[in-house]
């Protein structure tokens, strides 16, 4: 099975970190992975996206022209990448920040107020983790155990105390 995901938003929203954690989780589950970051020169506040592929087979190219899933955290990213989603795929978006209409009727759409949920929980950076939870629920791209291993691999050890709370945020996304 191959799952191709585009994650997009503004710099500073954790877009690249989301992709790194997902790719690390796949790698630690003995999958073939690719993570291709892309961001504007202005970084924080500029555009940011990444392509993540997790597969049982070797990955031929890190560039995604058609994806199974799209995660978006701002309106411009939805406008840019909506057309990349394969029919039957899914779009998972932060409804706190993305108010655009979706023109597609051949994809599943999940609007989750993750920024609001993360702010209420007191940890704004968990918005992306909640979105990744929904991605896992819809695609089975990685297991929860694999995701937790990915967190441990990517996060510096001094932040490992946050992992139990991050796993709770992930469960919130899975169950949304």
N, C-alpha and C. Protein backbone atom coordinates (compact mmCIF):
# COMPACT_ATOMS: atom_id res chain seq x y z
N UNK A 1 0.84 -1.18 0.00
CA UNK A 1 0.00 0.00 0.00
C UNK A 1 0.89 1.25 0.00
N UNK A 2 0.51 2.24 -0.78
CA UNK A 2 1.21 3.51 -0.83
C UNK A 2 0.22 4.62 -0.50
N UNK A 3 0.62 5.49 0.42
CA UNK A 3 -0.19 6.65 0.77
C UNK A 3 0.65 7.89 0.51
N UNK A 4 0.09 8.79 -0.29
CA UNK A 4 0.77 10.04 -0.63
C UNK A 4 -0.03 11.20 -0.05
N UNK A 5 0.66 12.04 0.72
CA UNK A 5 0.01 13.12 1.44
C UNK A 5 0.72 14.44 1.16
N UNK A 6 -0.06 15.48 0.95
CA UNK A 6 0.47 16.84 0.90
C UNK A 6 -0.04 17.54 2.15
N UNK A 7 0.89 18.17 2.88
CA UNK A 7 0.57 18.94 4.08
C UNK A 7 0.96 20.38 3.78
N UNK A 8 0.02 21.32 3.98
CA UNK A 8 0.30 22.70 3.56
C UNK A 8 -0.32 23.72 4.50
N UNK A 9 0.36 24.86 4.60
CA UNK A 9 -0.12 25.96 5.42
C UNK A 9 0.88 27.10 5.40
N UNK A 10 0.91 27.86 6.49
CA UNK A 10 1.88 28.94 6.65
C UNK A 10 3.08 28.43 7.43
N UNK A 11 4.24 29.02 7.18
CA UNK A 11 5.41 28.74 7.99
C UNK A 11 5.11 29.08 9.44
N UNK A 12 5.58 28.26 10.36
CA UNK A 12 5.34 28.48 11.77
C UNK A 12 4.17 27.68 12.32
N UNK A 13 3.40 27.01 11.44
CA UNK A 13 2.27 26.20 11.89
C UNK A 13 2.68 24.75 12.18
N UNK A 14 3.93 24.41 11.95
CA UNK A 14 4.37 23.04 12.19
C UNK A 14 4.22 22.13 11.00
N UNK A 15 4.05 22.69 9.82
CA UNK A 15 3.84 21.90 8.60
C UNK A 15 5.01 20.93 8.38
N UNK A 16 6.23 21.44 8.43
CA UNK A 16 7.40 20.58 8.18
C UNK A 16 7.57 19.54 9.28
N UNK A 17 7.30 19.93 10.52
CA UNK A 17 7.39 18.98 11.63
C UNK A 17 6.37 17.86 11.47
N UNK A 18 5.17 18.19 11.03
CA UNK A 18 4.15 17.18 10.82
C UNK A 18 4.65 16.14 9.81
N UNK A 19 5.23 16.64 8.71
CA UNK A 19 5.75 15.74 7.68
C UNK A 19 6.89 14.88 8.19
N UNK A 20 7.80 15.49 8.96
CA UNK A 20 8.94 14.75 9.51
C UNK A 20 8.49 13.64 10.43
N UNK A 21 7.54 13.94 11.30
CA UNK A 21 7.04 12.92 12.25
C UNK A 21 6.39 11.78 11.49
N UNK A 22 5.58 12.10 10.50
CA UNK A 22 4.90 11.08 9.70
C UNK A 22 5.91 10.20 8.96
N UNK A 23 6.91 10.83 8.35
CA UNK A 23 7.94 10.07 7.62
C UNK A 23 8.76 9.21 8.59
N UNK A 24 9.11 9.76 9.74
CA UNK A 24 9.88 8.98 10.73
C UNK A 24 9.07 7.79 11.22
N UNK A 25 7.78 8.00 11.45
CA UNK A 25 6.92 6.90 11.89
C UNK A 25 6.90 5.78 10.85
N UNK A 26 6.74 6.16 9.59
CA UNK A 26 6.75 5.15 8.52
C UNK A 26 8.08 4.42 8.45
N UNK A 27 9.17 5.16 8.53
CA UNK A 27 10.50 4.57 8.47
C UNK A 27 10.70 3.58 9.62
N UNK A 28 10.27 3.95 10.82
CA UNK A 28 10.43 3.08 11.98
C UNK A 28 9.51 1.87 11.93
N UNK A 29 8.53 1.91 11.05
CA UNK A 29 7.64 0.75 10.81
C UNK A 29 8.14 -0.07 9.62
N UNK A 30 9.38 0.18 9.21
CA UNK A 30 10.01 -0.53 8.09
C UNK A 30 9.31 -0.30 6.76
N UNK A 31 8.74 0.87 6.59
CA UNK A 31 8.13 1.27 5.32
C UNK A 31 9.15 2.05 4.51
N UNK A 32 8.90 2.18 3.23
CA UNK A 32 9.68 3.06 2.37
C UNK A 32 9.06 4.45 2.49
N UNK A 33 9.87 5.47 2.69
CA UNK A 33 9.32 6.80 2.90
C UNK A 33 10.05 7.86 2.10
N UNK A 34 9.34 8.95 1.90
CA UNK A 34 9.93 10.15 1.30
C UNK A 34 9.29 11.34 1.98
N UNK A 35 10.09 12.35 2.29
CA UNK A 35 9.61 13.61 2.84
C UNK A 35 10.29 14.71 2.05
N UNK A 36 9.50 15.53 1.35
CA UNK A 36 10.04 16.59 0.52
C UNK A 36 9.49 17.93 1.02
N UNK A 37 10.32 18.71 1.74
CA UNK A 37 9.85 20.00 2.24
C UNK A 37 9.91 21.08 1.17
N UNK A 38 9.05 22.07 1.30
CA UNK A 38 9.06 23.23 0.40
C UNK A 38 8.53 24.42 1.19
N UNK A 39 9.29 25.50 1.18
CA UNK A 39 8.83 26.69 1.89
C UNK A 39 9.46 27.93 1.28
N UNK A 40 8.77 29.05 1.47
CA UNK A 40 9.25 30.31 0.93
C UNK A 40 10.43 30.83 1.73
N UNK A 41 11.16 31.78 1.17
CA UNK A 41 12.35 32.30 1.84
C UNK A 41 12.04 33.05 3.13
N UNK A 42 10.80 33.49 3.28
CA UNK A 42 10.45 34.24 4.47
C UNK A 42 10.17 33.35 5.67
N UNK A 43 10.06 32.03 5.47
CA UNK A 43 9.82 31.04 6.52
C UNK A 43 8.55 31.37 7.31
N UNK A 44 8.67 31.78 8.59
CA UNK A 44 7.51 31.99 9.45
C UNK A 44 6.57 33.00 8.79
N UNK A 45 5.32 32.56 8.58
CA UNK A 45 4.33 33.43 7.96
C UNK A 45 4.25 33.28 6.46
N UNK A 46 5.28 32.72 5.83
CA UNK A 46 5.26 32.48 4.39
C UNK A 46 4.60 31.16 4.08
N UNK A 47 4.64 30.77 2.84
CA UNK A 47 4.03 29.50 2.46
C UNK A 47 4.93 28.34 2.86
N UNK A 48 4.32 27.23 3.18
CA UNK A 48 5.05 26.04 3.58
C UNK A 48 4.23 24.82 3.20
N UNK A 49 4.88 23.83 2.61
CA UNK A 49 4.20 22.57 2.35
C UNK A 49 5.23 21.46 2.30
N UNK A 50 4.78 20.24 2.41
CA UNK A 50 5.67 19.10 2.23
C UNK A 50 4.88 17.95 1.63
N UNK A 51 5.61 17.12 0.93
CA UNK A 51 5.06 15.91 0.34
C UNK A 51 5.60 14.74 1.14
N UNK A 52 4.71 13.88 1.61
CA UNK A 52 5.11 12.70 2.36
C UNK A 52 4.54 11.47 1.68
N UNK A 53 5.40 10.50 1.44
CA UNK A 53 4.97 9.23 0.86
C UNK A 53 5.39 8.13 1.82
N UNK A 54 4.46 7.25 2.16
CA UNK A 54 4.74 6.08 2.98
C UNK A 54 4.23 4.88 2.20
N UNK A 55 5.13 3.92 1.96
CA UNK A 55 4.79 2.83 1.05
C UNK A 55 5.41 1.51 1.46
N UNK A 56 4.79 0.44 1.01
CA UNK A 56 5.39 -0.90 1.16
C UNK A 56 6.39 -1.17 0.06
N UNK A 57 6.36 -0.36 -0.99
CA UNK A 57 7.24 -0.51 -2.15
C UNK A 57 8.24 0.65 -2.20
N UNK A 58 9.34 0.50 -2.93
CA UNK A 58 10.25 1.64 -3.08
C UNK A 58 9.54 2.85 -3.67
N UNK A 59 9.92 4.03 -3.21
CA UNK A 59 9.32 5.28 -3.66
C UNK A 59 10.11 5.76 -4.88
N UNK A 60 9.44 5.89 -6.01
CA UNK A 60 10.11 6.27 -7.25
C UNK A 60 10.49 7.74 -7.33
N UNK A 61 9.64 8.60 -6.78
CA UNK A 61 9.90 10.04 -6.83
C UNK A 61 9.29 10.69 -5.61
N UNK A 62 9.96 11.67 -5.03
CA UNK A 62 9.38 12.35 -3.86
C UNK A 62 8.33 13.39 -4.23
N UNK A 63 8.17 13.66 -5.51
CA UNK A 63 7.23 14.68 -5.96
C UNK A 63 5.86 14.05 -6.16
N UNK A 64 4.85 14.67 -5.58
CA UNK A 64 3.48 14.15 -5.66
C UNK A 64 2.69 14.99 -6.64
N UNK A 65 2.15 14.34 -7.66
CA UNK A 65 1.27 15.01 -8.62
C UNK A 65 -0.20 14.72 -8.32
N UNK A 66 -0.46 13.57 -7.69
CA UNK A 66 -1.80 13.18 -7.27
C UNK A 66 -1.65 12.54 -5.89
N UNK A 67 -2.40 13.05 -4.91
CA UNK A 67 -2.27 12.52 -3.56
C UNK A 67 -3.55 11.83 -3.10
N UNK A 68 -3.37 10.97 -2.09
CA UNK A 68 -4.52 10.31 -1.46
C UNK A 68 -5.18 11.23 -0.44
N UNK A 69 -4.35 12.09 0.17
CA UNK A 69 -4.86 12.96 1.23
C UNK A 69 -4.15 14.31 1.20
N UNK A 70 -4.91 15.33 1.57
CA UNK A 70 -4.41 16.69 1.66
C UNK A 70 -4.78 17.22 3.03
N UNK A 71 -3.77 17.73 3.76
CA UNK A 71 -4.01 18.41 5.02
C UNK A 71 -3.70 19.89 4.78
N UNK A 72 -4.66 20.76 5.09
CA UNK A 72 -4.44 22.19 4.88
C UNK A 72 -4.77 22.98 6.14
N UNK A 73 -3.90 23.99 6.38
CA UNK A 73 -4.08 24.83 7.56
C UNK A 73 -4.26 26.30 7.20
N UNK A 74 -4.47 26.59 5.90
CA UNK A 74 -4.81 27.96 5.49
C UNK A 74 -5.53 27.93 4.15
N UNK A 75 -6.26 29.00 3.86
CA UNK A 75 -7.05 29.09 2.64
C UNK A 75 -6.24 29.01 1.36
N UNK A 76 -5.13 29.76 1.25
CA UNK A 76 -4.34 29.70 0.02
C UNK A 76 -3.84 28.28 -0.30
N UNK A 77 -3.54 27.50 0.72
CA UNK A 77 -3.08 26.13 0.47
C UNK A 77 -4.20 25.26 -0.09
N UNK A 78 -5.42 25.48 0.39
CA UNK A 78 -6.55 24.73 -0.15
C UNK A 78 -6.73 25.08 -1.62
N UNK A 79 -6.68 26.37 -1.94
CA UNK A 79 -6.83 26.80 -3.34
C UNK A 79 -5.75 26.18 -4.23
N UNK A 80 -4.53 26.13 -3.72
CA UNK A 80 -3.42 25.63 -4.52
C UNK A 80 -3.45 24.11 -4.70
N UNK A 81 -3.78 23.36 -3.65
CA UNK A 81 -3.58 21.91 -3.68
C UNK A 81 -4.86 21.07 -3.80
N UNK A 82 -6.03 21.67 -3.73
CA UNK A 82 -7.28 20.91 -3.81
C UNK A 82 -7.31 20.01 -5.06
N UNK A 83 -6.84 20.51 -6.16
CA UNK A 83 -6.89 19.76 -7.43
C UNK A 83 -5.95 18.56 -7.44
N UNK A 84 -5.00 18.48 -6.50
CA UNK A 84 -4.05 17.37 -6.45
C UNK A 84 -4.65 16.09 -5.85
N UNK A 85 -5.78 16.19 -5.18
CA UNK A 85 -6.36 15.05 -4.49
C UNK A 85 -7.07 14.13 -5.48
N UNK A 86 -6.72 12.86 -5.43
CA UNK A 86 -7.33 11.87 -6.31
C UNK A 86 -8.81 11.70 -5.96
N UNK A 87 -9.65 11.40 -6.95
CA UNK A 87 -11.04 11.09 -6.64
C UNK A 87 -11.08 9.96 -5.61
N UNK A 88 -11.93 10.11 -4.60
CA UNK A 88 -12.01 9.14 -3.52
C UNK A 88 -11.06 9.44 -2.38
N UNK A 89 -10.16 10.41 -2.57
CA UNK A 89 -9.21 10.79 -1.53
C UNK A 89 -9.89 11.68 -0.49
N UNK A 90 -9.08 12.25 0.40
CA UNK A 90 -9.67 13.09 1.44
C UNK A 90 -8.90 14.40 1.62
N UNK A 91 -9.67 15.39 2.03
CA UNK A 91 -9.12 16.69 2.39
C UNK A 91 -9.45 16.90 3.87
N UNK A 92 -8.41 17.13 4.66
CA UNK A 92 -8.57 17.35 6.09
C UNK A 92 -8.10 18.76 6.36
N UNK A 93 -8.98 19.60 6.91
CA UNK A 93 -8.59 20.99 7.07
C UNK A 93 -8.93 21.54 8.44
N UNK A 94 -8.22 22.60 8.79
CA UNK A 94 -8.44 23.32 10.04
C UNK A 94 -9.56 24.32 9.80
N UNK A 95 -10.76 23.99 10.25
CA UNK A 95 -11.91 24.86 9.99
C UNK A 95 -11.86 26.15 10.82
N UNK A 96 -10.97 26.23 11.80
CA UNK A 96 -10.79 27.48 12.53
C UNK A 96 -10.20 28.55 11.60
N UNK A 97 -9.32 28.12 10.69
CA UNK A 97 -8.58 29.05 9.84
C UNK A 97 -8.96 28.99 8.37
N UNK A 98 -9.54 27.89 7.92
CA UNK A 98 -9.86 27.72 6.50
C UNK A 98 -11.37 27.78 6.32
N UNK A 99 -11.81 28.81 5.62
CA UNK A 99 -13.25 29.02 5.43
C UNK A 99 -13.67 28.88 3.97
N UNK A 100 -12.72 28.55 3.12
CA UNK A 100 -12.98 28.42 1.68
C UNK A 100 -13.99 27.30 1.42
N UNK A 101 -14.74 27.47 0.36
CA UNK A 101 -15.61 26.40 -0.12
C UNK A 101 -14.74 25.40 -0.89
N UNK A 102 -15.13 24.16 -0.84
CA UNK A 102 -14.42 23.12 -1.59
C UNK A 102 -15.25 22.81 -2.82
N UNK A 103 -14.62 22.90 -3.98
CA UNK A 103 -15.35 22.73 -5.24
C UNK A 103 -15.53 21.27 -5.61
N UNK A 104 -14.80 20.38 -4.98
CA UNK A 104 -14.84 18.96 -5.33
C UNK A 104 -16.00 18.25 -4.65
N UNK A 105 -16.62 17.33 -5.39
CA UNK A 105 -17.66 16.48 -4.81
C UNK A 105 -17.23 15.02 -4.81
N UNK A 106 -16.04 14.75 -5.34
CA UNK A 106 -15.56 13.37 -5.47
C UNK A 106 -14.51 13.01 -4.41
N UNK A 107 -14.42 13.82 -3.33
CA UNK A 107 -13.48 13.56 -2.24
C UNK A 107 -14.22 13.70 -0.91
N UNK A 108 -13.68 13.04 0.12
CA UNK A 108 -14.21 13.20 1.47
C UNK A 108 -13.57 14.44 2.07
N UNK A 109 -14.36 15.23 2.77
CA UNK A 109 -13.86 16.46 3.38
C UNK A 109 -14.13 16.40 4.89
N UNK A 110 -13.07 16.69 5.65
CA UNK A 110 -13.18 16.72 7.10
C UNK A 110 -12.75 18.09 7.59
N UNK A 111 -13.71 18.84 8.13
CA UNK A 111 -13.44 20.18 8.67
C UNK A 111 -13.36 20.04 10.19
N UNK A 112 -12.17 20.26 10.72
CA UNK A 112 -11.97 20.10 12.16
C UNK A 112 -11.40 21.40 12.72
N UNK A 113 -11.99 21.96 13.77
CA UNK A 113 -11.51 23.22 14.33
C UNK A 113 -10.26 23.01 15.21
N UNK A 114 -9.19 22.53 14.61
CA UNK A 114 -8.02 22.10 15.39
C UNK A 114 -7.29 23.23 16.10
N UNK A 115 -7.21 24.41 15.49
CA UNK A 115 -6.55 25.52 16.18
C UNK A 115 -7.33 25.87 17.44
N UNK A 116 -8.64 25.92 17.32
CA UNK A 116 -9.50 26.19 18.47
C UNK A 116 -9.34 25.10 19.53
N UNK A 117 -9.35 23.84 19.10
CA UNK A 117 -9.21 22.72 20.03
C UNK A 117 -7.86 22.77 20.76
N UNK A 118 -6.80 23.06 20.02
CA UNK A 118 -5.47 23.11 20.61
C UNK A 118 -5.34 24.28 21.58
N UNK A 119 -5.92 25.42 21.24
CA UNK A 119 -5.89 26.58 22.13
C UNK A 119 -6.66 26.28 23.42
N UNK A 120 -7.81 25.62 23.29
CA UNK A 120 -8.59 25.25 24.48
C UNK A 120 -7.81 24.29 25.37
N UNK A 121 -7.01 23.42 24.76
CA UNK A 121 -6.20 22.47 25.52
C UNK A 121 -4.96 23.15 26.11
N UNK A 122 -4.68 24.38 25.67
CA UNK A 122 -3.56 25.12 26.21
C UNK A 122 -2.23 24.88 25.51
N UNK A 123 -2.25 24.12 24.40
CA UNK A 123 -1.02 23.83 23.66
C UNK A 123 -1.29 24.04 22.17
N UNK A 124 -1.13 25.28 21.69
CA UNK A 124 -1.46 25.61 20.30
C UNK A 124 -0.73 24.75 19.27
N UNK A 125 0.47 24.28 19.59
CA UNK A 125 1.24 23.51 18.61
C UNK A 125 0.64 22.13 18.36
N UNK A 126 -0.35 21.71 19.13
CA UNK A 126 -0.96 20.40 18.93
C UNK A 126 -2.00 20.38 17.82
N UNK A 127 -2.28 21.51 17.19
CA UNK A 127 -3.27 21.55 16.11
C UNK A 127 -2.90 20.58 15.00
N UNK A 128 -1.64 20.58 14.60
CA UNK A 128 -1.18 19.68 13.54
C UNK A 128 -1.27 18.21 13.94
N UNK A 129 -1.03 17.92 15.21
CA UNK A 129 -1.12 16.54 15.68
C UNK A 129 -2.55 16.03 15.58
N UNK A 130 -3.51 16.89 15.90
CA UNK A 130 -4.92 16.51 15.78
C UNK A 130 -5.25 16.19 14.32
N UNK A 131 -4.77 17.01 13.39
CA UNK A 131 -5.00 16.75 11.96
C UNK A 131 -4.37 15.43 11.54
N UNK A 132 -3.17 15.15 12.03
CA UNK A 132 -2.52 13.88 11.70
C UNK A 132 -3.31 12.69 12.26
N UNK A 133 -3.96 12.88 13.39
CA UNK A 133 -4.82 11.82 13.94
C UNK A 133 -5.93 11.47 12.97
N UNK A 134 -6.57 12.50 12.41
CA UNK A 134 -7.64 12.23 11.43
C UNK A 134 -7.08 11.56 10.19
N UNK A 135 -5.89 11.98 9.76
CA UNK A 135 -5.24 11.34 8.61
C UNK A 135 -5.02 9.85 8.88
N UNK A 136 -4.52 9.53 10.05
CA UNK A 136 -4.29 8.12 10.41
C UNK A 136 -5.61 7.35 10.42
N UNK A 137 -6.66 7.96 10.96
CA UNK A 137 -7.96 7.29 11.00
C UNK A 137 -8.50 7.00 9.61
N UNK A 138 -8.26 7.91 8.67
CA UNK A 138 -8.81 7.76 7.32
C UNK A 138 -7.95 6.92 6.39
N UNK A 139 -6.64 6.90 6.60
CA UNK A 139 -5.75 6.24 5.63
C UNK A 139 -4.96 5.07 6.18
N UNK A 140 -4.86 4.95 7.50
CA UNK A 140 -4.00 3.93 8.13
C UNK A 140 -2.55 4.06 7.65
N UNK A 141 -2.11 5.28 7.38
CA UNK A 141 -0.76 5.51 6.87
C UNK A 141 0.31 4.97 7.82
N UNK A 142 0.10 5.14 9.12
CA UNK A 142 0.98 4.57 10.15
C UNK A 142 0.10 4.15 11.32
N UNK A 143 0.65 3.32 12.19
CA UNK A 143 -0.07 2.93 13.40
C UNK A 143 0.15 3.97 14.50
N UNK A 144 -0.65 3.90 15.54
CA UNK A 144 -0.44 4.80 16.68
C UNK A 144 0.91 4.54 17.33
N UNK A 145 1.28 3.27 17.42
CA UNK A 145 2.58 2.92 18.01
C UNK A 145 3.72 3.48 17.15
N UNK A 146 3.56 3.37 15.84
CA UNK A 146 4.55 3.91 14.92
C UNK A 146 4.64 5.41 15.04
N UNK A 147 3.49 6.07 15.21
CA UNK A 147 3.48 7.52 15.36
C UNK A 147 4.21 7.93 16.62
N UNK A 148 3.94 7.23 17.72
CA UNK A 148 4.62 7.54 18.98
C UNK A 148 6.13 7.35 18.84
N UNK A 149 6.54 6.29 18.15
CA UNK A 149 7.97 6.07 17.90
C UNK A 149 8.54 7.21 17.06
N UNK A 150 7.76 7.69 16.08
CA UNK A 150 8.18 8.82 15.25
C UNK A 150 8.37 10.09 16.07
N UNK A 151 7.46 10.32 17.02
CA UNK A 151 7.61 11.47 17.91
C UNK A 151 8.91 11.39 18.70
N UNK A 152 9.17 10.21 19.25
CA UNK A 152 10.41 10.03 20.05
C UNK A 152 11.65 10.21 19.18
N UNK A 153 11.56 9.82 17.94
CA UNK A 153 12.69 9.93 17.02
C UNK A 153 12.96 11.38 16.61
N UNK A 154 11.89 12.14 16.35
CA UNK A 154 12.02 13.49 15.83
C UNK A 154 12.20 14.54 16.93
N UNK A 155 11.48 14.40 18.01
CA UNK A 155 11.55 15.42 19.06
C UNK A 155 12.85 15.31 19.86
N UNK A 156 13.41 16.45 20.23
CA UNK A 156 14.58 16.39 21.11
C UNK A 156 14.17 15.76 22.45
N UNK A 157 15.10 15.09 23.09
CA UNK A 157 14.79 14.37 24.32
C UNK A 157 14.17 15.27 25.39
N UNK A 158 14.57 16.53 25.43
CA UNK A 158 14.04 17.44 26.44
C UNK A 158 12.54 17.70 26.26
N UNK A 159 11.98 17.32 25.10
CA UNK A 159 10.54 17.50 24.85
C UNK A 159 9.77 16.18 24.92
N UNK A 160 10.41 15.10 25.28
CA UNK A 160 9.74 13.81 25.35
C UNK A 160 8.65 13.77 26.43
N UNK A 161 8.71 14.67 27.39
CA UNK A 161 7.66 14.73 28.41
C UNK A 161 6.32 15.16 27.81
N UNK A 162 6.33 15.76 26.62
CA UNK A 162 5.10 16.18 25.94
C UNK A 162 4.42 15.04 25.18
N UNK A 163 5.13 13.94 24.99
CA UNK A 163 4.61 12.87 24.13
C UNK A 163 3.27 12.31 24.63
N UNK A 164 3.07 12.04 25.92
CA UNK A 164 1.74 11.56 26.33
C UNK A 164 0.61 12.52 25.95
N UNK A 165 0.83 13.82 26.12
CA UNK A 165 -0.20 14.81 25.74
C UNK A 165 -0.38 14.84 24.22
N UNK A 166 0.72 14.69 23.47
CA UNK A 166 0.61 14.66 22.01
C UNK A 166 -0.17 13.44 21.55
N UNK A 167 0.01 12.32 22.22
CA UNK A 167 -0.74 11.11 21.86
C UNK A 167 -2.22 11.29 22.16
N UNK A 168 -2.56 12.03 23.22
CA UNK A 168 -3.96 12.34 23.51
C UNK A 168 -4.54 13.23 22.40
N UNK A 169 -3.75 14.21 21.95
CA UNK A 169 -4.20 15.07 20.85
C UNK A 169 -4.41 14.23 19.58
N UNK A 170 -3.51 13.29 19.34
CA UNK A 170 -3.65 12.39 18.19
C UNK A 170 -4.96 11.60 18.29
N UNK A 171 -5.25 11.08 19.47
CA UNK A 171 -6.51 10.32 19.68
C UNK A 171 -7.72 11.21 19.44
N UNK A 172 -7.64 12.49 19.84
CA UNK A 172 -8.74 13.42 19.59
C UNK A 172 -9.00 13.55 18.08
N UNK A 173 -7.93 13.61 17.30
CA UNK A 173 -8.09 13.68 15.86
C UNK A 173 -8.64 12.39 15.28
N UNK A 174 -8.15 11.27 15.77
CA UNK A 174 -8.63 9.96 15.29
C UNK A 174 -10.13 9.83 15.55
N UNK A 175 -10.56 10.26 16.70
CA UNK A 175 -11.97 10.08 17.11
C UNK A 175 -12.89 11.19 16.65
N UNK A 176 -12.36 12.26 16.03
CA UNK A 176 -13.22 13.38 15.66
C UNK A 176 -14.18 12.97 14.57
